[in-house]
Amino acid sequence: SLSLTNQSDWMSTYSNIFIPTTAAIINLVCIQLLNFVYDKVAIYLTEMELLRTQTEFDESLTIKIYLFQFVNYYTSIIYIAFLKGKNVGYPAKYLRIFGLRQEECSPGGCLMELSIQLFIIMVGQQALNTVVEMIIPVGLNWFNSLTENTGRLDNLKSTSEEEDLATAVKKPWIEDYRLLDWGPRGLFPEYLEMVMQYGFVTLFVTAFPLGPFFALLNNVFEMRLDAKKFLKYFRRPIPHRVPNIGVWYRVLDILGKLAVITNAFIIAFSSNYIPRMVYISLVSEDNTDKGFLNNTLAYFDTKDFEKGIAPLSSSYTNVTYCRYKDYRNPPWSPQRYERPTFYYEVLVARLTFIVIFQNIVSLVKVAVQWLIPDVPNALSDRIKRESYLTTQMIIKNEAKKSSRN
């Protein structure tokens, strides 16, 4: 609002960048605050279920926290990508919700705002997580060592010389024990961070192609920082044998399938790619996009402004017609302000593209899974052979026991 009311040339020039950036930063702050609340709510709801085993408890808690995080991080992005400015009406008849006009995109569309939102939330969240993951262990270890040294000085005043010497000796296993404990959730925050990053990279990669690069850059630093954190500030974890990564595999599999749908809809409905292709194929005389921008703008008679919507002041005088971004018939048409045939041609092309895109990506996915199996054929044969030999040994041993009896 400030940038719109301010008469500064700088503010008016860069308002399309300044406003979404400010909104994204505020959104990131709110997300971080809500993460703390959602974490407590998820733990409370899971404890209310009174699950029988620790595995069931962990899986239920994982699903709840991830769903909360999914809604918290992705809601604003999904709104900008698929809902904002999609069905707002036109100047003579705006569609309203509870008497309020819907938010519209800038004249260039919502793709720029979507990219800014993705950049601020994704990169900002990764940077904050990296800083917090290093500051908290360092701070807690410093505090523990400070309180321990204070207690040690008190003991030196009240014990004998030999006890003082024994107390002052630093034994490695004692020093390791003084490090931070992993806690009951172990690597859960690390898994959650990577899965959220995977969602940013896959679900909205068409809107923010630099996302994979920033994810790679973050992971390069994250590997070294995590190694330092685990070795210097935490105790050695107790290993547990598990068959796989548990419920995280299902989450990643669902994200991979959902990513195909979201990217197809972003290309079809949030960009001008499909309308441009339809214009080149059906309208353009020289098979180029010359005149495409003019084709995306509809005419509007200034006499038909909805009450209270017309501009109060304007630098232009005697304006009869104005242009706005939409596909509608002009006011001099018998079916004024109705949808033209070209609008439905674009809609059919968009839906067709989504179907074709999903089928092609699904076929490629199946082909890659077939060409690169999870378990190589040679290893699978050796596993079967080992299982066969084990079974034969058991049968022979059982046969010997029965013959002796």
Protein backbone atom coordinates (compact mmCIF):
# COMPACT_ATOMS: atom_id res chain seq x y z
CA SER A 1 0.00 0.00 0.00
CA LEU A 2 2.85 2.36 0.83
CA SER A 3 4.43 1.86 -2.57
CA LEU A 4 1.14 2.54 -4.33
CA THR A 5 0.36 5.74 -2.45
CA ASN A 6 3.91 7.09 -2.52
CA GLN A 7 4.62 9.30 -5.51
CA SER A 8 8.32 8.37 -5.58
CA ASP A 9 9.49 7.29 -9.03
CA TRP A 10 11.73 4.62 -7.51
CA MET A 11 8.90 3.11 -5.49
CA SER A 12 6.46 3.07 -8.37
CA THR A 13 9.05 1.58 -10.73
CA TYR A 14 10.03 -1.32 -8.47
CA SER A 15 6.70 -1.86 -6.69
CA ASN A 16 6.13 -5.18 -8.50
CA ILE A 17 9.33 -6.47 -6.87
CA PHE A 18 9.31 -4.57 -3.57
CA ILE A 19 5.78 -5.55 -2.47
CA PRO A 20 6.07 -9.34 -3.11
CA THR A 21 9.52 -9.40 -1.48
CA THR A 22 8.26 -7.65 1.66
CA ALA A 23 5.22 -9.93 1.82
CA ALA A 24 7.41 -13.03 1.41
CA ILE A 25 9.75 -11.95 4.24
CA ILE A 26 6.78 -11.35 6.57
CA ASN A 27 5.37 -14.72 5.51
CA LEU A 28 8.70 -16.42 6.31
CA VAL A 29 8.72 -14.92 9.82
CA CYS A 30 5.15 -16.13 10.43
CA ILE A 31 6.07 -19.59 9.13
CA GLN A 32 8.96 -19.90 11.59
CA LEU A 33 6.73 -18.86 14.50
CA LEU A 34 3.96 -21.26 13.50
CA ASN A 35 6.42 -24.15 13.14
CA PHE A 36 7.02 -24.05 16.88
CA VAL A 37 3.26 -24.09 17.59
CA TYR A 38 2.51 -26.86 15.10
CA ASP A 39 5.28 -29.03 16.54
CA LYS A 40 3.70 -28.88 20.01
CA VAL A 41 0.21 -29.51 18.60
CA ALA A 42 1.40 -32.56 16.64
CA ILE A 43 3.05 -34.08 19.71
CA TYR A 44 -0.07 -33.46 21.81
CA LEU A 45 -2.40 -35.03 19.22
CA THR A 46 -0.15 -38.08 18.83
CA GLU A 47 0.05 -38.63 22.58
CA MET A 48 -3.76 -38.46 22.73
CA GLU A 49 -3.96 -41.44 20.34
CA LEU A 50 -2.32 -43.78 22.92
CA LEU A 51 -0.60 -45.89 20.26
CA ARG A 52 0.66 -49.33 21.28
CA THR A 53 4.22 -49.34 19.92
CA GLN A 54 7.00 -46.78 19.52
CA THR A 55 7.07 -47.39 15.76
CA GLU A 56 3.38 -46.51 15.42
CA PHE A 57 3.92 -43.41 17.56
CA ASP A 58 6.89 -42.25 15.48
CA GLU A 59 5.10 -42.78 12.16
CA SER A 60 1.96 -41.01 13.35
CA LEU A 61 3.99 -38.08 14.69
CA THR A 62 5.99 -37.89 11.46
CA ILE A 63 2.84 -37.69 9.32
CA LYS A 64 1.27 -35.01 11.50
CA ILE A 65 4.35 -32.79 11.68
CA TYR A 66 4.95 -33.11 7.94
CA LEU A 67 1.34 -32.25 7.09
CA PHE A 68 1.51 -29.20 9.35
CA GLN A 69 4.79 -28.16 7.73
CA PHE A 70 3.36 -28.81 4.26
CA VAL A 71 0.42 -26.50 4.88
CA ASN A 72 2.60 -23.93 6.63
CA TYR A 73 5.24 -23.67 3.90
CA TYR A 74 3.32 -24.39 0.71
CA THR A 75 -0.10 -22.76 1.23
CA SER A 76 0.94 -19.27 0.14
CA ILE A 77 2.85 -20.68 -2.83
CA ILE A 78 -0.09 -22.83 -3.95
CA TYR A 79 -2.41 -19.83 -3.61
CA ILE A 80 -0.21 -17.64 -5.82
CA ALA A 81 0.37 -20.41 -8.36
CA PHE A 82 -3.17 -21.72 -8.80
CA LEU A 83 -5.74 -19.37 -7.25
CA LYS A 84 -4.60 -15.76 -7.27
CA GLY A 85 -6.04 -13.74 -10.14
CA LYS A 86 -7.59 -16.74 -11.88
CA ASN A 87 -11.30 -15.85 -11.64
CA VAL A 88 -11.72 -12.23 -10.57
CA GLY A 89 -14.30 -11.07 -13.11
CA TYR A 90 -13.97 -7.87 -15.16
CA PRO A 91 -14.40 -4.12 -14.45
CA ALA A 92 -18.14 -4.15 -15.11
CA LYS A 93 -18.77 -7.17 -12.90
CA TYR A 94 -16.10 -8.23 -10.42
CA LEU A 95 -16.57 -11.53 -8.61
CA ARG A 96 -16.66 -10.88 -4.87
CA ILE A 97 -16.31 -13.06 -1.77
CA PHE A 98 -18.15 -11.71 1.28
CA GLY A 99 -18.48 -8.41 -0.55
CA LEU A 100 -14.73 -8.08 -1.15
CA ARG A 101 -12.91 -8.12 -4.47
CA GLN A 102 -10.44 -10.92 -5.07
CA GLU A 103 -6.75 -10.20 -5.27
CA GLU A 104 -5.34 -9.82 -8.78
CA CYS A 105 -1.95 -10.48 -10.32
CA SER A 106 0.25 -7.77 -11.76
CA PRO A 107 -0.20 -7.02 -15.49
CA GLY A 108 2.64 -9.43 -16.28
CA GLY A 109 1.02 -12.28 -14.37
CA CYS A 110 1.77 -14.02 -11.07
CA LEU A 111 4.84 -15.97 -12.19
CA MET A 112 7.30 -13.29 -11.03
CA GLU A 113 5.60 -13.04 -7.63
CA LEU A 114 5.61 -16.84 -7.37
CA SER A 115 9.34 -16.96 -8.10
CA ILE A 116 10.07 -14.29 -5.45
CA GLN A 117 7.94 -16.12 -2.89
CA LEU A 118 9.71 -19.40 -3.61
CA PHE A 119 13.17 -17.81 -3.43
CA ILE A 120 12.55 -16.02 -0.11
CA ILE A 121 10.85 -18.97 1.61
CA MET A 122 13.13 -21.73 0.31
CA VAL A 123 16.50 -19.98 0.61
CA GLY A 124 15.50 -18.11 3.77
CA GLN A 125 14.29 -21.28 5.47
CA GLN A 126 17.49 -23.13 4.56
CA ALA A 127 19.69 -20.28 5.79
CA LEU A 128 17.78 -19.99 9.08
CA ASN A 129 17.90 -23.75 9.67
CA THR A 130 21.64 -23.81 9.05
CA VAL A 131 22.29 -20.94 11.45
CA VAL A 132 20.00 -22.33 14.16
CA GLU A 133 21.44 -25.86 13.85
CA MET A 134 24.92 -24.49 14.57
CA ILE A 135 24.13 -21.81 17.15
CA ILE A 136 21.95 -23.94 19.46
CA PRO A 137 24.46 -26.84 19.95
CA VAL A 138 27.37 -24.42 20.42
CA GLY A 139 25.38 -22.32 22.90
CA LEU A 140 24.13 -25.32 24.89
CA ASN A 141 27.60 -26.86 25.12
CA TRP A 142 29.08 -23.54 26.21
CA PHE A 143 26.40 -23.19 28.88
CA ASN A 144 26.94 -26.76 30.11
CA SER A 145 30.70 -26.29 30.33
CA LEU A 146 30.22 -23.00 32.17
CA THR A 147 27.93 -24.53 34.80
CA GLU A 148 30.22 -27.55 35.10
CA ASN A 149 33.32 -25.40 35.68
CA THR A 150 31.46 -23.41 38.32
CA GLY A 151 30.54 -26.61 40.16
CA ARG A 152 34.09 -27.90 39.82
CA LEU A 153 35.49 -24.75 41.49
CA ASP A 154 33.04 -25.18 44.37
CA ASN A 155 34.19 -28.78 44.81
CA LEU A 156 37.85 -27.76 44.89
CA LYS A 157 37.23 -25.68 47.99
CA SER A 158 35.60 -28.51 49.92
CA THR A 159 37.63 -31.61 49.01
CA SER A 160 41.13 -32.88 49.65
CA GLU A 161 44.15 -32.39 47.39
CA GLU A 162 44.04 -35.91 45.92
CA GLU A 163 40.35 -35.65 45.16
CA ASP A 164 40.96 -32.26 43.55
CA LEU A 165 43.57 -33.78 41.26
CA ALA A 166 41.31 -36.69 40.32
CA THR A 167 38.41 -34.34 39.67
CA ALA A 168 40.52 -32.03 37.54
CA VAL A 169 41.67 -34.83 35.23
CA LYS A 170 39.71 -34.75 31.97
CA LYS A 171 38.84 -38.26 30.88
CA PRO A 172 37.75 -38.66 27.23
CA TRP A 173 34.64 -40.71 28.00
CA ILE A 174 33.57 -38.20 30.62
CA GLU A 175 34.06 -35.34 28.18
CA ASP A 176 32.04 -37.23 25.56
CA TYR A 177 29.25 -37.85 28.05
CA ARG A 178 29.01 -34.12 28.70
CA LEU A 179 28.08 -33.53 25.05
CA LEU A 180 24.46 -33.03 24.01
CA ASP A 181 22.11 -35.99 23.91
CA TRP A 182 20.31 -36.82 20.66
CA GLY A 183 16.95 -36.93 22.37
CA PRO A 184 14.05 -39.25 21.57
CA ARG A 185 13.56 -38.01 17.99
CA GLY A 186 17.15 -38.41 16.79
CA LEU A 187 17.54 -37.58 13.11
CA PHE A 188 13.91 -36.59 12.62
CA PRO A 189 14.66 -32.84 12.10
CA GLU A 190 17.29 -33.72 9.49
CA TYR A 191 14.87 -35.94 7.58
CA LEU A 192 12.15 -33.30 7.78
CA GLU A 193 14.46 -30.58 6.47
CA MET A 194 15.53 -32.68 3.48
CA VAL A 195 11.97 -33.73 2.62
CA MET A 196 10.75 -30.12 2.75
CA GLN A 197 13.64 -29.11 0.51
CA TYR A 198 12.77 -31.94 -1.88
CA GLY A 199 9.21 -30.59 -2.02
CA PHE A 200 10.39 -27.09 -2.93
CA VAL A 201 12.68 -28.45 -5.64
CA THR A 202 10.18 -30.82 -7.26
CA LEU A 203 6.73 -29.30 -6.75
CA PHE A 204 7.55 -25.83 -8.10
CA VAL A 205 10.68 -26.29 -10.20
CA THR A 206 9.03 -24.85 -13.33
CA ALA A 207 8.30 -21.59 -11.50
CA PHE A 208 11.74 -21.40 -9.86
CA PRO A 209 14.32 -23.26 -12.01
CA LEU A 210 17.17 -22.08 -9.76
CA GLY A 211 15.69 -24.06 -6.86
CA PRO A 212 17.80 -27.21 -7.48
CA PHE A 213 20.97 -25.09 -7.65
CA PHE A 214 20.26 -23.43 -4.30
CA ALA A 215 19.37 -26.82 -2.81
CA LEU A 216 22.68 -28.27 -4.03
CA LEU A 217 24.59 -25.26 -2.67
CA ASN A 218 22.86 -25.61 0.68
CA ASN A 219 23.55 -29.34 0.86
CA VAL A 220 27.27 -28.87 0.14
CA PHE A 221 27.59 -26.61 3.18
CA GLU A 222 25.10 -28.66 5.19
CA MET A 223 27.19 -31.82 4.86
CA ARG A 224 30.27 -30.22 6.38
CA LEU A 225 28.36 -28.33 9.07
CA ASP A 226 26.40 -31.43 10.08
CA ALA A 227 29.60 -33.47 10.24
CA LYS A 228 31.16 -30.89 12.54
CA LYS A 229 27.99 -30.68 14.62
CA PHE A 230 27.66 -34.44 15.07
CA LEU A 231 31.33 -34.96 15.94
CA LYS A 232 31.93 -32.00 18.24
CA TYR A 233 28.66 -31.19 19.96
CA PHE A 234 26.64 -34.43 20.21
CA ARG A 235 27.27 -37.80 21.80
CA ARG A 236 27.80 -40.78 19.58
CA PRO A 237 24.31 -42.08 18.76
CA ILE A 238 23.30 -45.62 19.62
CA PRO A 239 22.79 -47.51 16.33
CA HIS A 240 19.44 -49.16 15.64
CA ARG A 241 18.84 -51.71 12.90
CA VAL A 242 15.93 -50.72 10.67
CA PRO A 243 14.82 -52.14 7.30
CA ASN A 244 14.37 -48.74 5.60
CA ILE A 245 13.63 -45.06 6.21
CA GLY A 246 10.08 -45.88 7.24
CA VAL A 247 7.20 -43.55 6.50
CA TRP A 248 9.52 -41.06 4.80
CA TYR A 249 9.66 -43.31 1.74
CA ARG A 250 5.90 -43.03 1.26
CA VAL A 251 6.06 -39.26 1.72
CA LEU A 252 8.78 -38.94 -0.93
CA ASP A 253 6.87 -41.21 -3.31
CA ILE A 254 3.69 -39.13 -2.95
CA LEU A 255 5.68 -35.92 -3.44
CA GLY A 256 7.18 -37.29 -6.65
CA LYS A 257 3.74 -38.08 -8.07
CA LEU A 258 2.27 -34.78 -6.89
CA ALA A 259 5.16 -32.87 -8.48
CA VAL A 260 4.10 -34.01 -11.94
CA ILE A 261 0.60 -32.58 -11.41
CA THR A 262 1.70 -29.26 -9.89
CA ASN A 263 4.29 -28.57 -12.59
CA ALA A 264 1.81 -29.42 -15.33
CA PHE A 265 -0.72 -26.97 -13.89
CA ILE A 266 1.92 -24.25 -13.39
CA ILE A 267 2.99 -24.49 -17.03
CA ALA A 268 -0.60 -24.65 -18.28
CA PHE A 269 -2.34 -22.05 -16.10
CA SER A 270 0.32 -19.85 -14.48
CA SER A 271 2.42 -19.08 -17.54
CA ASN A 272 1.72 -17.76 -21.04
CA TYR A 273 3.29 -20.77 -22.74
CA ILE A 274 0.05 -22.46 -23.83
CA PRO A 275 -1.78 -19.24 -24.89
CA ARG A 276 1.30 -18.22 -26.89
CA MET A 277 1.44 -21.58 -28.68
CA VAL A 278 -2.28 -21.45 -29.46
CA TYR A 279 -1.93 -17.89 -30.76
CA ILE A 280 0.97 -18.88 -33.02
CA SER A 281 -0.92 -21.92 -34.33
CA LEU A 282 -4.42 -20.47 -34.83
CA VAL A 283 -4.24 -16.68 -35.00
CA SER A 284 -0.83 -15.52 -36.20
CA GLU A 285 -0.52 -15.12 -39.96
CA ASP A 286 3.27 -15.57 -40.04
CA ASN A 287 3.47 -18.25 -37.30
CA THR A 288 5.22 -15.92 -34.84
CA ASP A 289 4.16 -14.38 -31.54
CA LYS A 290 3.97 -10.91 -33.06
CA GLY A 291 0.78 -9.30 -31.72
CA PHE A 292 0.40 -11.84 -28.91
CA LEU A 293 0.43 -9.22 -26.15
CA ASN A 294 -2.33 -7.24 -27.86
CA ASN A 295 -4.32 -10.47 -28.20
CA THR A 296 -4.24 -11.04 -24.43
CA LEU A 297 -5.81 -7.62 -23.69
CA ALA A 298 -9.57 -7.12 -23.82
CA TYR A 299 -11.44 -3.85 -24.48
CA PHE A 300 -13.65 -2.17 -21.90
CA ASP A 301 -16.02 0.77 -22.27
CA THR A 302 -15.38 3.27 -19.46
CA LYS A 303 -19.13 3.96 -19.26
CA ASP A 304 -19.67 0.40 -18.00
CA PHE A 305 -17.56 0.72 -14.85
CA GLU A 306 -19.10 -0.89 -11.79
CA LYS A 307 -20.22 1.68 -9.24
CA GLY A 308 -17.34 2.75 -7.03
CA ILE A 309 -14.70 1.04 -9.19
CA ALA A 310 -13.84 3.78 -11.68
CA PRO A 311 -10.59 5.69 -10.95
CA LEU A 312 -11.15 8.89 -8.96
CA SER A 313 -8.45 10.73 -10.89
CA SER A 314 -6.48 10.04 -14.05
CA SER A 315 -3.77 11.73 -16.07
CA TYR A 316 -5.72 10.85 -19.21
CA THR A 317 -8.81 12.74 -20.41
CA ASN A 318 -11.66 11.77 -22.70
CA VAL A 319 -10.89 8.06 -22.43
CA THR A 320 -13.56 5.97 -24.14
CA TYR A 321 -12.00 2.52 -24.01
CA CYS A 322 -9.37 0.95 -21.79
CA ARG A 323 -7.57 -2.40 -21.96
CA TYR A 324 -7.26 -5.11 -19.33
CA LYS A 325 -5.73 -8.59 -19.31
CA ASP A 326 -8.41 -11.14 -20.11
CA TYR A 327 -10.08 -12.97 -22.98
CA ARG A 328 -13.50 -11.30 -23.46
CA ASN A 329 -15.54 -9.89 -26.32
CA PRO A 330 -15.29 -6.11 -26.85
CA PRO A 331 -18.14 -3.78 -25.82
CA TRP A 332 -19.23 -3.28 -29.45
CA SER A 333 -19.80 -7.03 -29.89
CA PRO A 334 -23.39 -8.39 -29.76
CA GLN A 335 -22.20 -10.68 -26.92
CA ARG A 336 -20.32 -7.97 -25.06
CA TYR A 337 -17.90 -9.06 -22.35
CA GLU A 338 -18.68 -12.73 -22.93
CA ARG A 339 -15.99 -15.33 -23.41
CA PRO A 340 -14.81 -15.60 -27.04
CA THR A 341 -14.08 -18.83 -28.86
CA PHE A 342 -10.35 -18.28 -28.45
CA TYR A 343 -10.69 -18.51 -24.65
CA TYR A 344 -12.15 -22.02 -24.90
CA GLU A 345 -9.53 -23.03 -27.45
CA VAL A 346 -6.82 -22.00 -24.97
CA LEU A 347 -8.63 -23.84 -22.15
CA VAL A 348 -8.83 -27.05 -24.20
CA ALA A 349 -5.15 -26.71 -25.10
CA ARG A 350 -4.24 -26.27 -21.43
CA LEU A 351 -6.16 -29.35 -20.33
CA THR A 352 -4.76 -31.37 -23.23
CA PHE A 353 -1.23 -30.32 -22.31
CA ILE A 354 -1.77 -31.45 -18.69
CA VAL A 355 -2.93 -34.91 -19.80
CA ILE A 356 -0.08 -35.33 -22.32
CA PHE A 357 2.53 -34.00 -19.86
CA GLN A 358 1.45 -36.37 -17.10
CA ASN A 359 1.42 -39.39 -19.40
CA ILE A 360 4.84 -38.63 -20.89
CA VAL A 361 6.44 -38.08 -17.48
CA SER A 362 4.80 -41.24 -16.12
CA LEU A 363 6.13 -43.27 -19.06
CA VAL A 364 9.62 -41.86 -18.55
CA LYS A 365 9.41 -42.68 -14.84
CA VAL A 366 8.36 -46.27 -15.53
CA ALA A 367 11.14 -46.64 -18.12
CA VAL A 368 13.77 -45.33 -15.69
CA GLN A 369 12.52 -47.67 -12.95
CA TRP A 370 12.76 -50.60 -15.34
CA LEU A 371 16.23 -49.63 -16.63
CA ILE A 372 17.61 -48.84 -13.16
CA PRO A 373 16.01 -51.25 -10.66
CA ASP A 374 16.33 -50.66 -6.92
CA VAL A 375 18.15 -53.99 -6.60
CA PRO A 376 20.45 -54.96 -9.53
CA ASN A 377 19.65 -58.28 -11.19
CA ALA A 378 23.01 -59.78 -10.26
CA LEU A 379 22.52 -58.87 -6.61
CA SER A 380 18.94 -60.15 -6.69
CA ASP A 381 20.16 -63.51 -8.03
CA ARG A 382 22.81 -63.74 -5.29
CA ILE A 383 20.21 -62.96 -2.62
CA LYS A 384 17.96 -65.70 -3.98
CA ARG A 385 20.91 -68.10 -4.13
CA GLU A 386 21.86 -67.32 -0.54
CA SER A 387 18.26 -67.82 0.57
CA TYR A 388 18.16 -71.16 -1.28
CA LEU A 389 21.40 -72.37 0.34
CA THR A 390 20.18 -71.31 3.77
CA THR A 391 16.95 -73.24 3.26
CA GLN A 392 18.88 -76.34 2.12
CA MET A 393 21.13 -76.20 5.20
CA ILE A 394 18.11 -75.98 7.48
CA ILE A 395 16.48 -78.96 5.74
CA LYS A 396 19.67 -81.04 6.08
CA ASN A 397 20.04 -80.21 9.77
CA GLU A 398 16.42 -81.09 10.43
CA ALA A 399 16.85 -84.35 8.52
CA LYS A 400 19.92 -85.28 10.61
CA LYS A 401 18.06 -84.56 13.84
CA SER A 402 15.11 -86.70 12.78
CA SER A 403 17.39 -89.61 11.73
CA ARG A 404 19.14 -89.59 15.11
CA ASN A 405 15.85 -89.74 16.90
